[in-house]
Amino acid sequence: MLNKSILYRYYTDPSGSFWQCNAKAIGSGSKGADSSLQEQFNKDLTLQEAETIAVSILKQVMEETVTPNNVDIAKVAQAYHLYTPQEVDAVISRL
């Protein structure tokens, strides 16, 4: 379980303004994705649950099939970790 005392996420728009948020979708298809994120997000999600929700929403809004070749997942905690294609594939296979 994630440590709730350090769960701070920020969204920055192109003008440089920023807002604190729990979950945020940006880019193409972000309206539908953002709505789904707001419905499904809760502060008690495990990392694995959050990964699955995020990739599931990507699958809904992307026109092409979700694969390790067109999806990147990164974890930012005490250290930054960009998932390998095999790790991304493991998340996708949970859908």
C-alpha atoms as a PDB file:
ATOM      1  CA  MET A   1       0.000   0.000   0.000  1.00  0.00           C
ATOM      2  CA  LEU A   2       1.254   3.471  -0.801  1.00  0.00           C
ATOM      3  CA  ASN A   3       2.167   5.787   2.048  1.00  0.00           C
ATOM      4  CA  LYS A   4      -0.724   8.273   2.094  1.00  0.00           C
ATOM      5  CA  SER A   5       1.347  10.957   3.767  1.00  0.00           C
ATOM      6  CA  ILE A   6       3.393  11.449   0.589  1.00  0.00           C
ATOM      7  CA  LEU A   7       0.636  11.116  -2.009  1.00  0.00           C
ATOM      8  CA  TYR A   8       0.892  14.491  -3.700  1.00  0.00           C
ATOM      9  CA  ARG A   9       0.277  14.708  -7.432  1.00  0.00           C
ATOM     10  CA  TYR A  10       0.286  17.879  -9.433  1.00  0.00           C
ATOM     11  CA  TYR A  11      -1.012  18.745 -12.869  1.00  0.00           C
ATOM     12  CA  THR A  12       0.687  21.560 -14.767  1.00  0.00           C
ATOM     13  CA  ASP A  13      -0.871  23.155 -17.835  1.00  0.00           C
ATOM     14  CA  PRO A  14       1.164  24.724 -20.669  1.00  0.00           C
ATOM     15  CA  SER A  15       0.903  28.189 -19.072  1.00  0.00           C
ATOM     16  CA  GLY A  16       2.759  26.930 -15.992  1.00  0.00           C
ATOM     17  CA  SER A  17      -0.233  26.943 -13.648  1.00  0.00           C
ATOM     18  CA  PHE A  18      -0.465  23.873 -11.459  1.00  0.00           C
ATOM     19  CA  TRP A  19      -3.089  22.150  -9.335  1.00  0.00           C
ATOM     20  CA  GLN A  20      -2.891  19.353  -6.823  1.00  0.00           C
ATOM     21  CA  CYS A  21      -4.963  16.333  -7.855  1.00  0.00           C
ATOM     22  CA  ASN A  22      -5.274  12.639  -7.093  1.00  0.00           C
ATOM     23  CA  ALA A  23      -5.486  11.412 -10.675  1.00  0.00           C
ATOM     24  CA  LYS A  24      -5.300  13.230 -14.011  1.00  0.00           C
ATOM     25  CA  ALA A  25      -5.411  12.294 -17.695  1.00  0.00           C
ATOM     26  CA  ILE A  26      -3.776  14.521 -20.278  1.00  0.00           C
ATOM     27  CA  GLY A  27      -3.503  14.444 -24.053  1.00  0.00           C
ATOM     28  CA  SER A  28      -5.744  12.985 -26.727  1.00  0.00           C
ATOM     29  CA  GLY A  29      -8.858  11.361 -25.271  1.00  0.00           C
ATOM     30  CA  SER A  30      -8.242  12.947 -21.882  1.00  0.00           C
ATOM     31  CA  LYS A  31     -11.843  14.057 -21.322  1.00  0.00           C
ATOM     32  CA  GLY A  32     -13.225  10.525 -21.243  1.00  0.00           C
ATOM     33  CA  ALA A  33     -10.142   9.142 -19.532  1.00  0.00           C
ATOM     34  CA  ASP A  34     -10.176  11.855 -16.854  1.00  0.00           C
ATOM     35  CA  SER A  35     -13.833  11.163 -16.116  1.00  0.00           C
ATOM     36  CA  SER A  36     -13.139   7.426 -15.731  1.00  0.00           C
ATOM     37  CA  LEU A  37     -10.137   8.121 -13.515  1.00  0.00           C
ATOM     38  CA  GLN A  38     -12.202  10.327 -11.208  1.00  0.00           C
ATOM     39  CA  GLU A  39     -14.862   7.595 -10.921  1.00  0.00           C
ATOM     40  CA  GLN A  40     -12.439   4.736 -10.237  1.00  0.00           C
ATOM     41  CA  PHE A  41      -9.710   6.394  -8.177  1.00  0.00           C
ATOM     42  CA  ASN A  42      -9.599   6.144  -4.411  1.00  0.00           C
ATOM     43  CA  LYS A  43      -6.736   6.785  -2.036  1.00  0.00           C
ATOM     44  CA  ASP A  44      -6.642   3.174  -0.832  1.00  0.00           C
ATOM     45  CA  LEU A  45      -5.651   1.677  -4.207  1.00  0.00           C
ATOM     46  CA  THR A  46      -2.575  -0.499  -4.280  1.00  0.00           C
ATOM     47  CA  LEU A  47       0.046   0.216  -6.938  1.00  0.00           C
ATOM     48  CA  GLN A  48      -1.072  -2.900  -8.823  1.00  0.00           C
ATOM     49  CA  GLU A  49      -4.721  -1.776  -8.775  1.00  0.00           C
ATOM     50  CA  ALA A  50      -3.757   1.720  -9.955  1.00  0.00           C
ATOM     51  CA  GLU A  51      -1.678   0.270 -12.822  1.00  0.00           C
ATOM     52  CA  THR A  52      -4.570  -1.947 -13.906  1.00  0.00           C
ATOM     53  CA  ILE A  53      -7.084   0.921 -13.820  1.00  0.00           C
ATOM     54  CA  ALA A  54      -4.768   3.222 -15.783  1.00  0.00           C
ATOM     55  CA  VAL A  55      -4.091   0.673 -18.528  1.00  0.00           C
ATOM     56  CA  SER A  56      -7.767  -0.329 -18.645  1.00  0.00           C
ATOM     57  CA  ILE A  57      -8.736   3.313 -19.241  1.00  0.00           C
ATOM     58  CA  LEU A  58      -6.035   3.654 -21.907  1.00  0.00           C
ATOM     59  CA  LYS A  59      -7.493   0.595 -23.604  1.00  0.00           C
ATOM     60  CA  GLN A  60     -10.925   2.280 -23.640  1.00  0.00           C
ATOM     61  CA  VAL A  61      -9.768   5.590 -25.132  1.00  0.00           C
ATOM     62  CA  MET A  62      -6.969   4.512 -27.501  1.00  0.00           C
ATOM     63  CA  GLU A  63      -7.866   3.782 -31.095  1.00  0.00           C
ATOM     64  CA  GLU A  64      -5.132   1.185 -31.423  1.00  0.00           C
ATOM     65  CA  THR A  65      -4.515  -1.959 -29.378  1.00  0.00           C
ATOM     66  CA  VAL A  66      -2.659  -1.394 -26.099  1.00  0.00           C
ATOM     67  CA  THR A  67       0.771  -3.054 -26.286  1.00  0.00           C
ATOM     68  CA  PRO A  68       4.184  -2.618 -24.650  1.00  0.00           C
ATOM     69  CA  ASN A  69       5.232  -0.883 -27.897  1.00  0.00           C
ATOM     70  CA  ASN A  70       2.755   2.008 -27.543  1.00  0.00           C
ATOM     71  CA  VAL A  71       2.325   2.332 -23.764  1.00  0.00           C
ATOM     72  CA  ASP A  72       4.896   3.505 -21.230  1.00  0.00           C
ATOM     73  CA  ILE A  73       4.434   3.094 -17.501  1.00  0.00           C
ATOM     74  CA  ALA A  74       6.669   4.730 -14.925  1.00  0.00           C
ATOM     75  CA  LYS A  75       6.692   4.658 -11.158  1.00  0.00           C
ATOM     76  CA  VAL A  76       7.918   7.754  -9.370  1.00  0.00           C
ATOM     77  CA  ALA A  77       8.607   7.074  -5.714  1.00  0.00           C
ATOM     78  CA  GLN A  78      11.915   7.304  -3.893  1.00  0.00           C
ATOM     79  CA  ALA A  79      13.447   6.542  -7.286  1.00  0.00           C
ATOM     80  CA  TYR A  80      12.135   6.801 -10.855  1.00  0.00           C
ATOM     81  CA  HIS A  81      11.491   3.495 -12.632  1.00  0.00           C
ATOM     82  CA  LEU A  82      10.433   3.208 -16.280  1.00  0.00           C
ATOM     83  CA  TYR A  83       8.814  -0.184 -16.738  1.00  0.00           C
ATOM     84  CA  THR A  84      10.424  -2.594 -19.169  1.00  0.00           C
ATOM     85  CA  PRO A  85       8.301  -3.929 -22.052  1.00  0.00           C
ATOM     86  CA  GLN A  86       7.936  -7.180 -20.090  1.00  0.00           C
ATOM     87  CA  GLU A  87       6.629  -5.307 -17.028  1.00  0.00           C
ATOM     88  CA  VAL A  88       4.163  -3.350 -19.190  1.00  0.00           C
ATOM     89  CA  ASP A  89       3.025  -6.616 -20.781  1.00  0.00           C
ATOM     90  CA  ALA A  90       2.437  -8.089 -17.293  1.00  0.00           C
ATOM     91  CA  VAL A  91       0.164  -5.134 -16.432  1.00  0.00           C
ATOM     92  CA  ILE A  92      -1.710  -5.440 -19.748  1.00  0.00           C
ATOM     93  CA  SER A  93      -2.191  -9.179 -19.194  1.00  0.00           C
ATOM     94  CA  ARG A  94      -4.134  -8.448 -15.958  1.00  0.00           C
ATOM     95  CA  LEU A  95      -6.957  -6.888 -18.003  1.00  0.00           C
END
